[in-house]
């Protein structure tokens, strides 16, 4: 599972369990309160996760780790190529 598949897998699972909790009236909270709480937590978590997983180094690392990808070559003229190459797997080269 790659970094882009995680949110689309986790959200339905969290929604399922939130529905169970709401239906059982756990902690004395009603459905509307559970929906608000879970919605706020999931939205905040996905926003933070999205910011972290969409960084250049995370995207390059994700692609470089795919079994179909032999190597990734970065543009040597780009200012951040050297630092990006240093923070990614060995099959990422600057060329």
N, C-alpha and C. Protein backbone atom coordinates (compact mmCIF):
# COMPACT_ATOMS: atom_id res chain seq x y z
N UNK A 1 0.85 -1.17 0.00
CA UNK A 1 0.00 0.00 0.00
C UNK A 1 0.90 1.24 0.00
N UNK A 2 0.65 2.15 -0.92
CA UNK A 2 1.48 3.35 -0.96
C UNK A 2 0.82 4.48 -0.17
N UNK A 3 1.54 5.59 -0.06
CA UNK A 3 1.09 6.70 0.78
C UNK A 3 -0.19 7.35 0.29
N UNK A 4 -0.51 7.20 -0.97
CA UNK A 4 -1.71 7.82 -1.50
C UNK A 4 -2.95 6.96 -1.25
N UNK A 5 -2.77 5.67 -0.98
CA UNK A 5 -3.90 4.78 -0.76
C UNK A 5 -4.35 4.79 0.70
N UNK A 6 -3.51 5.21 1.60
CA UNK A 6 -3.83 5.15 3.03
C UNK A 6 -5.10 5.94 3.38
N UNK A 7 -5.20 7.22 3.01
CA UNK A 7 -6.42 7.96 3.40
C UNK A 7 -7.70 7.36 2.83
N UNK A 8 -7.65 6.88 1.58
CA UNK A 8 -8.87 6.35 0.99
C UNK A 8 -9.27 5.01 1.59
N UNK A 9 -8.36 4.37 2.29
CA UNK A 9 -8.67 3.12 2.97
C UNK A 9 -9.13 3.37 4.40
N UNK A 10 -8.51 4.31 5.06
CA UNK A 10 -8.79 4.56 6.48
C UNK A 10 -10.13 5.26 6.71
N UNK A 11 -10.48 6.21 5.85
CA UNK A 11 -11.71 6.99 6.07
C UNK A 11 -12.96 6.12 6.16
N UNK A 12 -13.19 5.16 5.23
CA UNK A 12 -14.39 4.32 5.38
C UNK A 12 -14.37 3.46 6.64
N UNK A 13 -13.18 3.03 7.05
CA UNK A 13 -13.08 2.22 8.27
C UNK A 13 -13.46 3.06 9.48
N UNK A 14 -12.93 4.28 9.54
CA UNK A 14 -13.27 5.17 10.66
C UNK A 14 -14.76 5.50 10.64
N UNK A 15 -15.31 5.74 9.46
CA UNK A 15 -16.74 6.03 9.36
C UNK A 15 -17.59 4.87 9.85
N UNK A 16 -17.16 3.65 9.54
CA UNK A 16 -17.88 2.46 9.99
C UNK A 16 -17.92 2.39 11.52
N UNK A 17 -16.74 2.56 12.14
CA UNK A 17 -16.68 2.49 13.60
C UNK A 17 -17.40 3.66 14.25
N UNK A 18 -17.36 4.83 13.62
CA UNK A 18 -18.09 5.98 14.15
C UNK A 18 -19.59 5.70 14.12
N UNK A 19 -20.05 5.05 13.06
CA UNK A 19 -21.46 4.68 12.99
C UNK A 19 -21.85 3.69 14.07
N UNK A 20 -20.97 2.73 14.34
CA UNK A 20 -21.24 1.78 15.43
C UNK A 20 -21.31 2.48 16.78
N UNK A 21 -20.36 3.36 17.03
CA UNK A 21 -20.36 4.09 18.30
C UNK A 21 -21.61 4.95 18.44
N UNK A 22 -21.99 5.62 17.36
CA UNK A 22 -23.17 6.47 17.41
C UNK A 22 -24.43 5.65 17.64
N UNK A 23 -24.53 4.49 16.97
CA UNK A 23 -25.70 3.63 17.12
C UNK A 23 -25.84 3.06 18.52
N UNK A 24 -24.73 2.82 19.19
CA UNK A 24 -24.76 2.26 20.54
C UNK A 24 -24.90 3.33 21.62
N UNK A 25 -24.74 4.59 21.24
CA UNK A 25 -24.84 5.66 22.23
C UNK A 25 -23.69 5.64 23.22
N UNK A 26 -22.51 5.24 22.75
CA UNK A 26 -21.34 5.14 23.61
C UNK A 26 -21.01 6.51 24.22
N UNK A 27 -20.65 6.50 25.48
CA UNK A 27 -20.32 7.70 26.26
C UNK A 27 -21.49 8.68 26.36
N UNK A 28 -22.69 8.20 26.06
CA UNK A 28 -23.88 9.05 26.20
C UNK A 28 -24.02 10.10 25.11
N UNK A 29 -23.26 9.97 24.04
CA UNK A 29 -23.34 10.96 22.97
C UNK A 29 -24.31 10.48 21.89
N UNK A 30 -25.03 11.43 21.32
CA UNK A 30 -25.98 11.08 20.26
C UNK A 30 -25.27 11.05 18.89
N UNK A 31 -26.03 10.71 17.86
CA UNK A 31 -25.45 10.56 16.52
C UNK A 31 -24.86 11.86 15.99
N UNK A 32 -25.53 12.96 16.21
CA UNK A 32 -25.05 14.24 15.69
C UNK A 32 -23.73 14.64 16.35
N UNK A 33 -23.62 14.42 17.65
CA UNK A 33 -22.39 14.75 18.36
C UNK A 33 -21.24 13.87 17.88
N UNK A 34 -21.51 12.56 17.73
CA UNK A 34 -20.48 11.64 17.22
C UNK A 34 -20.04 12.05 15.83
N UNK A 35 -20.99 12.39 14.97
CA UNK A 35 -20.65 12.80 13.60
C UNK A 35 -19.78 14.04 13.60
N UNK A 36 -20.10 14.99 14.46
CA UNK A 36 -19.31 16.21 14.55
C UNK A 36 -17.90 15.93 15.04
N UNK A 37 -17.80 15.16 16.12
CA UNK A 37 -16.48 14.85 16.70
C UNK A 37 -15.61 14.05 15.73
N UNK A 38 -16.15 12.98 15.20
CA UNK A 38 -15.38 12.14 14.28
C UNK A 38 -15.03 12.91 13.02
N UNK A 39 -15.96 13.67 12.50
CA UNK A 39 -15.70 14.47 11.30
C UNK A 39 -14.57 15.46 11.51
N UNK A 40 -14.56 16.12 12.66
CA UNK A 40 -13.51 17.10 12.96
C UNK A 40 -12.15 16.43 13.10
N UNK A 41 -12.11 15.31 13.81
CA UNK A 41 -10.85 14.59 14.01
C UNK A 41 -10.32 14.05 12.68
N UNK A 42 -11.18 13.45 11.89
CA UNK A 42 -10.75 12.88 10.60
C UNK A 42 -10.29 14.00 9.67
N UNK A 43 -11.01 15.11 9.63
CA UNK A 43 -10.62 16.22 8.76
C UNK A 43 -9.25 16.77 9.15
N UNK A 44 -9.03 16.95 10.45
CA UNK A 44 -7.73 17.45 10.91
C UNK A 44 -6.61 16.46 10.61
N UNK A 45 -6.86 15.18 10.86
CA UNK A 45 -5.84 14.16 10.62
C UNK A 45 -5.49 14.06 9.14
N UNK A 46 -6.49 14.08 8.28
CA UNK A 46 -6.23 13.99 6.84
C UNK A 46 -5.54 15.23 6.30
N UNK A 47 -5.84 16.38 6.86
CA UNK A 47 -5.15 17.60 6.45
C UNK A 47 -3.67 17.53 6.79
N UNK A 48 -3.37 17.09 8.00
CA UNK A 48 -1.97 16.95 8.42
C UNK A 48 -1.28 15.87 7.60
N UNK A 49 -1.94 14.74 7.43
CA UNK A 49 -1.36 13.64 6.64
C UNK A 49 -1.11 14.09 5.20
N UNK A 50 -2.05 14.81 4.62
CA UNK A 50 -1.90 15.29 3.25
C UNK A 50 -0.71 16.23 3.11
N UNK A 51 -0.52 17.09 4.09
CA UNK A 51 0.61 18.01 4.05
C UNK A 51 1.94 17.26 4.12
N UNK A 52 1.99 16.23 4.93
CA UNK A 52 3.23 15.45 5.08
C UNK A 52 3.47 14.56 3.87
N UNK A 53 2.43 13.87 3.41
CA UNK A 53 2.62 12.89 2.34
C UNK A 53 2.76 13.50 0.96
N UNK A 54 2.46 14.79 0.81
CA UNK A 54 2.58 15.40 -0.51
C UNK A 54 3.85 16.25 -0.65
N UNK A 55 4.76 16.15 0.31
CA UNK A 55 6.04 16.83 0.16
C UNK A 55 6.80 16.20 -1.00
N UNK A 56 7.69 16.95 -1.61
CA UNK A 56 8.44 16.43 -2.75
C UNK A 56 9.19 15.16 -2.40
N UNK A 57 9.87 15.15 -1.26
CA UNK A 57 10.66 13.96 -0.90
C UNK A 57 9.77 12.73 -0.69
N UNK A 58 8.57 12.92 -0.14
CA UNK A 58 7.66 11.80 0.06
C UNK A 58 7.15 11.27 -1.27
N UNK A 59 6.83 12.16 -2.20
CA UNK A 59 6.34 11.73 -3.51
C UNK A 59 7.44 11.01 -4.30
N UNK A 60 8.65 11.56 -4.29
CA UNK A 60 9.75 10.92 -5.02
C UNK A 60 10.06 9.57 -4.39
N UNK A 61 10.06 9.48 -3.06
CA UNK A 61 10.32 8.21 -2.38
C UNK A 61 9.25 7.18 -2.70
N UNK A 62 7.99 7.61 -2.77
CA UNK A 62 6.90 6.70 -3.10
C UNK A 62 7.08 6.12 -4.50
N UNK A 63 7.39 6.98 -5.45
CA UNK A 63 7.59 6.51 -6.82
C UNK A 63 8.83 5.63 -6.91
N UNK A 64 9.91 6.02 -6.27
CA UNK A 64 11.16 5.24 -6.33
C UNK A 64 11.00 3.87 -5.69
N UNK A 65 10.09 3.72 -4.75
CA UNK A 65 9.88 2.45 -4.06
C UNK A 65 8.98 1.49 -4.82
N UNK A 66 8.34 1.96 -5.90
CA UNK A 66 7.46 1.09 -6.67
C UNK A 66 8.30 0.02 -7.38
N UNK A 67 7.83 -1.22 -7.37
CA UNK A 67 8.62 -2.30 -7.97
C UNK A 67 8.85 -2.12 -9.48
N UNK A 68 7.97 -1.39 -10.15
CA UNK A 68 8.11 -1.18 -11.59
C UNK A 68 9.15 -0.13 -11.94
N UNK A 69 9.58 0.65 -10.95
CA UNK A 69 10.49 1.78 -11.20
C UNK A 69 11.91 1.35 -10.90
N UNK A 70 12.76 1.44 -11.93
CA UNK A 70 14.17 1.07 -11.77
C UNK A 70 14.93 2.20 -11.08
N UNK A 71 14.71 3.42 -11.53
CA UNK A 71 15.36 4.57 -10.90
C UNK A 71 14.59 5.83 -11.26
N UNK A 72 14.86 6.88 -10.49
CA UNK A 72 14.28 8.19 -10.72
C UNK A 72 15.45 9.15 -10.91
N UNK A 73 15.39 9.95 -11.96
CA UNK A 73 16.46 10.90 -12.22
C UNK A 73 15.92 12.31 -12.03
N UNK A 74 16.59 13.07 -11.17
CA UNK A 74 16.19 14.44 -10.89
C UNK A 74 16.95 15.40 -11.81
N UNK A 75 16.36 16.53 -12.10
CA UNK A 75 16.99 17.56 -12.93
C UNK A 75 18.13 18.20 -12.15
N UNK A 76 19.35 18.10 -12.69
CA UNK A 76 20.53 18.64 -12.01
C UNK A 76 20.51 20.16 -11.92
N UNK A 77 19.75 20.82 -12.78
CA UNK A 77 19.73 22.29 -12.77
C UNK A 77 18.73 22.85 -11.76
N UNK A 78 17.86 22.01 -11.22
CA UNK A 78 16.89 22.47 -10.22
C UNK A 78 17.60 22.75 -8.90
N UNK A 79 17.26 23.84 -8.24
CA UNK A 79 17.97 24.23 -7.02
C UNK A 79 17.94 23.20 -5.88
N UNK A 80 16.86 22.48 -5.73
CA UNK A 80 16.72 21.57 -4.59
C UNK A 80 17.10 20.13 -4.91
N UNK A 81 17.64 19.85 -6.08
CA UNK A 81 17.91 18.47 -6.49
C UNK A 81 18.86 17.74 -5.54
N UNK A 82 19.93 18.38 -5.13
CA UNK A 82 20.92 17.72 -4.28
C UNK A 82 20.32 17.35 -2.92
N UNK A 83 19.61 18.28 -2.30
CA UNK A 83 19.02 17.97 -1.00
C UNK A 83 17.88 16.96 -1.12
N UNK A 84 17.14 17.03 -2.21
CA UNK A 84 16.07 16.07 -2.44
C UNK A 84 16.64 14.67 -2.66
N UNK A 85 17.70 14.57 -3.40
CA UNK A 85 18.35 13.28 -3.63
C UNK A 85 18.89 12.69 -2.33
N UNK A 86 19.41 13.53 -1.46
CA UNK A 86 19.96 13.06 -0.18
C UNK A 86 18.90 12.51 0.75
N UNK A 87 17.65 12.97 0.59
CA UNK A 87 16.59 12.55 1.52
C UNK A 87 15.69 11.45 0.95
N UNK A 88 16.11 10.84 -0.16
CA UNK A 88 15.30 9.81 -0.81
C UNK A 88 16.11 8.53 -1.00
N UNK A 89 15.48 7.44 -1.47
CA UNK A 89 16.18 6.15 -1.62
C UNK A 89 17.37 6.21 -2.57
N UNK A 90 18.17 5.15 -2.54
CA UNK A 90 19.39 5.08 -3.34
C UNK A 90 19.16 5.12 -4.84
N UNK A 91 18.00 4.68 -5.31
CA UNK A 91 17.77 4.65 -6.75
C UNK A 91 17.29 5.99 -7.31
N UNK A 92 17.40 7.06 -6.50
CA UNK A 92 17.10 8.42 -6.96
C UNK A 92 18.43 9.10 -7.26
N UNK A 93 18.60 9.52 -8.50
CA UNK A 93 19.87 10.09 -8.94
C UNK A 93 19.64 11.50 -9.46
N UNK A 94 20.69 12.30 -9.40
CA UNK A 94 20.65 13.64 -9.99
C UNK A 94 21.41 13.56 -11.30
N UNK A 95 20.74 13.92 -12.39
CA UNK A 95 21.41 13.78 -13.69
C UNK A 95 21.12 14.89 -14.63
